[in-house]
Amino acid sequence: MAGLNIPKPSGNEAWAAVAVILKRCQEPMVLVGKRAANPSDPWGGDAAFPGGHYETNDGSLLDTAIRETREETGIDLSKVGKVAAVLGIEHPRNAPELNVLPIVFIVDCNVDAVSLSGEFEYVKWIRLSDIPNLDRVTIVKGNTKRAIVVGDMTIWGMTRRILCKLYNMVKNGELNVNVSAKPLS
């Protein structure tokens, strides 16, 4: 897609993409899910954005984010989403060899998750304006960490870093939820 800085995965690196979905409502909201507990999943029970590992038949990391979001939430970003930004590559601290590309999509206020695949226990829309009041120091997996706490969902680590980056971009006017979206083609 022209104008977007989306890296092309090479065969010898591990890549993933996540969809950071902003809902264009009176107050912008972002979709975050609580992953289902799974002993074989290092991120089981954690908060996350829809997304997953790049597969060669995806064609691009943008396609990965769209496919994974459709599989995990039922939201088809190729039909209802517009790409607003591509954030810098992130690396989970427990898997530093994994390159994760966060792609920000904007959807209209009437869009909602229609089905969950089982990877998420649940998903919820969080108002961006609530994030500063939800951010605190808390215990996460036995360690003291900064986290955004929403009910029984604790958003920490890479997901928190991405969410804070998004919040600051919107707050500082670097990302206009209503204007800067680029339609998918």
Protein backbone atom coordinates (compact mmCIF):
# COMPACT_ATOMS: atom_id res chain seq x y z
CA MET A 1 0.00 0.00 0.00
CA ALA A 2 1.51 3.32 -1.06
CA GLY A 3 2.58 5.75 1.64
CA LEU A 4 2.76 3.21 4.46
CA ASN A 5 6.04 2.00 5.87
CA ILE A 6 5.26 -1.71 6.18
CA PRO A 7 8.38 -3.90 6.23
CA LYS A 8 8.47 -7.05 4.13
CA PRO A 9 9.29 -10.08 6.31
CA SER A 10 12.28 -12.13 5.28
CA GLY A 11 12.33 -15.90 5.56
CA ASN A 12 14.85 -16.03 8.39
CA GLU A 13 13.12 -13.68 10.85
CA ALA A 14 10.05 -14.15 13.03
CA TRP A 15 7.34 -11.56 12.32
CA ALA A 16 3.88 -10.78 13.63
CA ALA A 17 1.40 -7.96 13.18
CA VAL A 18 -1.24 -6.59 15.54
CA ALA A 19 -4.28 -4.49 14.70
CA VAL A 20 -4.65 -1.50 16.99
CA ILE A 21 -8.29 -0.70 16.26
CA LEU A 22 -9.56 2.79 17.07
CA LYS A 23 -13.31 3.23 17.10
CA ARG A 24 -14.33 6.67 15.81
CA CYS A 25 -16.97 7.68 18.35
CA GLN A 26 -17.62 10.90 20.24
CA GLU A 27 -14.74 9.72 22.44
CA PRO A 28 -12.26 7.49 20.57
CA MET A 29 -12.02 3.93 21.91
CA VAL A 30 -9.48 1.16 21.33
CA LEU A 31 -10.14 -2.59 21.22
CA VAL A 32 -8.15 -4.77 23.64
CA GLY A 33 -8.81 -8.39 24.48
CA LYS A 34 -7.97 -10.72 27.34
CA ARG A 35 -6.34 -13.80 25.85
CA ALA A 36 -7.72 -17.15 26.92
CA ALA A 37 -5.62 -18.97 29.53
CA ASN A 38 -3.50 -21.59 27.80
CA PRO A 39 -0.46 -23.23 29.45
CA SER A 40 1.28 -23.62 26.07
CA ASP A 41 0.82 -19.91 25.20
CA PRO A 42 3.39 -17.59 26.83
CA TRP A 43 0.85 -14.76 26.56
CA GLY A 44 -2.18 -16.77 27.75
CA GLY A 45 -4.36 -14.74 30.12
CA ASP A 46 -2.64 -11.47 29.11
CA ALA A 47 -4.21 -8.46 27.44
CA ALA A 48 -3.47 -8.10 23.74
CA PHE A 49 -4.53 -6.57 20.47
CA PRO A 50 -5.88 -8.87 17.75
CA GLY A 51 -2.97 -10.19 15.72
CA GLY A 52 -0.54 -13.00 15.25
CA HIS A 53 2.33 -14.53 13.33
CA TYR A 54 2.99 -13.72 9.70
CA GLU A 55 2.34 -16.60 7.30
CA THR A 56 3.93 -16.58 3.85
CA ASN A 57 0.53 -16.89 2.17
CA ASP A 58 -0.51 -13.62 3.89
CA GLY A 59 1.54 -11.64 1.38
CA SER A 60 2.16 -8.75 3.79
CA LEU A 61 2.03 -7.83 7.46
CA LEU A 62 -1.03 -5.71 6.68
CA ASP A 63 -2.72 -8.87 5.42
CA THR A 64 -1.60 -10.69 8.60
CA ALA A 65 -3.24 -8.07 10.83
CA ILE A 66 -6.45 -8.19 8.79
CA ARG A 67 -6.58 -12.02 8.72
CA GLU A 68 -5.85 -12.44 12.42
CA THR A 69 -8.42 -9.79 13.40
CA ARG A 70 -11.10 -11.46 11.27
CA GLU A 71 -10.25 -14.89 12.75
CA GLU A 72 -10.09 -13.69 16.37
CA THR A 73 -12.93 -11.12 16.52
CA GLY A 74 -15.04 -11.44 13.37
CA ILE A 75 -14.18 -7.84 12.41
CA ASP A 76 -13.21 -7.69 8.73
CA LEU A 77 -10.86 -4.72 8.56
CA SER A 78 -10.60 -5.07 4.77
CA LYS A 79 -14.27 -3.99 4.65
CA VAL A 80 -14.75 -1.70 7.67
CA GLY A 81 -11.25 -0.45 8.54
CA LYS A 82 -8.99 2.30 7.32
CA VAL A 83 -5.27 2.31 8.02
CA ALA A 84 -4.33 5.43 9.99
CA ALA A 85 -0.72 4.69 10.98
CA VAL A 86 1.99 2.10 11.18
CA LEU A 87 3.85 2.28 14.49
CA GLY A 88 7.46 1.28 15.04
CA ILE A 89 8.43 -2.37 15.34
CA GLU A 90 8.07 -3.73 18.87
CA HIS A 91 9.67 -6.78 20.50
CA PRO A 92 8.09 -8.67 23.40
CA ARG A 93 10.62 -8.84 26.24
CA ASN A 94 10.04 -12.60 26.59
CA ALA A 95 10.59 -13.14 22.84
CA PRO A 96 13.04 -10.43 21.67
CA GLU A 97 13.67 -12.23 18.38
CA LEU A 98 10.01 -11.62 17.36
CA ASN A 99 9.38 -8.48 15.30
CA VAL A 100 5.85 -7.19 15.95
CA LEU A 101 4.39 -4.49 13.71
CA PRO A 102 1.45 -2.55 15.22
CA ILE A 103 -0.89 -1.20 12.53
CA VAL A 104 -3.49 1.36 13.59
CA PHE A 105 -6.90 0.98 11.94
CA ILE A 106 -9.87 3.31 12.30
CA VAL A 107 -13.42 1.96 12.26
CA ASP A 108 -16.78 3.66 12.63
CA CYS A 109 -18.55 3.76 15.99
CA ASN A 110 -21.05 1.04 15.00
CA VAL A 111 -18.34 -1.63 14.45
CA ASP A 112 -18.08 -4.32 17.10
CA ALA A 113 -16.61 -7.77 17.52
CA VAL A 114 -19.09 -10.27 16.15
CA SER A 115 -17.52 -13.54 17.22
CA LEU A 116 -14.57 -14.70 19.25
CA SER A 117 -12.42 -17.60 18.07
CA GLY A 118 -11.45 -18.83 21.50
CA GLU A 119 -8.07 -17.06 21.48
CA PHE A 120 -9.69 -14.27 23.48
CA GLU A 121 -11.70 -14.83 26.64
CA TYR A 122 -13.32 -11.46 25.85
CA VAL A 123 -12.62 -8.14 24.14
CA LYS A 124 -13.60 -4.66 25.25
CA TRP A 125 -13.48 -1.13 23.93
CA ILE A 126 -11.54 1.23 26.20
CA ARG A 127 -11.94 5.00 25.93
CA LEU A 128 -8.57 6.57 25.18
CA SER A 129 -9.36 9.40 27.60
CA ASP A 130 -9.57 6.83 30.46
CA ILE A 131 -6.05 5.48 29.97
CA PRO A 132 -4.18 7.96 32.23
CA ASN A 133 -6.58 7.21 35.11
CA LEU A 134 -6.20 3.44 34.62
CA ASP A 135 -2.38 3.43 34.46
CA ARG A 136 -0.72 2.43 37.73
CA VAL A 137 1.95 0.34 39.39
CA THR A 138 0.66 -3.13 40.20
CA ILE A 139 1.78 -6.74 40.56
CA VAL A 140 1.88 -8.64 37.26
CA LYS A 141 2.86 -12.32 37.31
CA GLY A 142 4.61 -11.82 40.65
CA ASN A 143 6.54 -8.67 39.62
CA THR A 144 5.90 -4.98 40.20
CA LYS A 145 5.12 -3.32 36.84
CA ARG A 146 3.35 -0.33 35.33
CA ALA A 147 0.08 -1.49 33.87
CA ILE A 148 -3.26 -0.22 32.67
CA VAL A 149 -5.89 -1.99 34.75
CA VAL A 150 -9.42 -2.32 33.34
CA GLY A 151 -11.54 -4.54 35.59
CA ASP A 152 -9.85 -7.96 35.60
CA MET A 153 -7.77 -7.10 32.50
CA THR A 154 -4.21 -5.97 33.16
CA ILE A 155 -2.53 -4.38 30.15
CA TRP A 156 1.24 -4.47 30.56
CA GLY A 157 4.45 -4.99 28.63
CA MET A 158 4.42 -4.54 24.87
CA THR A 159 0.65 -4.05 24.70
CA ARG A 160 0.87 -1.24 27.26
CA ARG A 161 3.79 0.36 25.37
CA ILE A 162 1.76 0.34 22.14
CA LEU A 163 -1.35 1.67 23.89
CA CYS A 164 0.60 4.50 25.54
CA LYS A 165 2.21 5.39 22.20
CA LEU A 166 -1.25 5.51 20.59
CA TYR A 167 -2.67 7.63 23.42
CA ASN A 168 0.19 10.14 23.14
CA MET A 169 -0.11 10.32 19.34
CA VAL A 170 -3.82 11.16 19.57
CA LYS A 171 -3.33 13.54 22.53
CA ASN A 172 -0.49 15.40 20.77
CA GLY A 173 -2.38 15.68 17.48
CA GLU A 174 -0.01 13.35 15.62
CA LEU A 175 -2.91 11.05 14.77
CA ASN A 176 -6.28 12.55 13.92
CA VAL A 177 -8.91 9.88 14.43
CA ASN A 178 -11.32 11.61 12.05
CA VAL A 179 -9.07 12.70 9.21
CA SER A 180 -5.82 10.82 8.65
CA ALA A 181 -7.18 7.38 7.78
CA LYS A 182 -6.12 5.93 4.42
CA PRO A 183 -8.76 3.67 2.85
CA LEU A 184 -7.72 0.09 2.18
CA SER A 185 -7.60 -0.93 -1.43
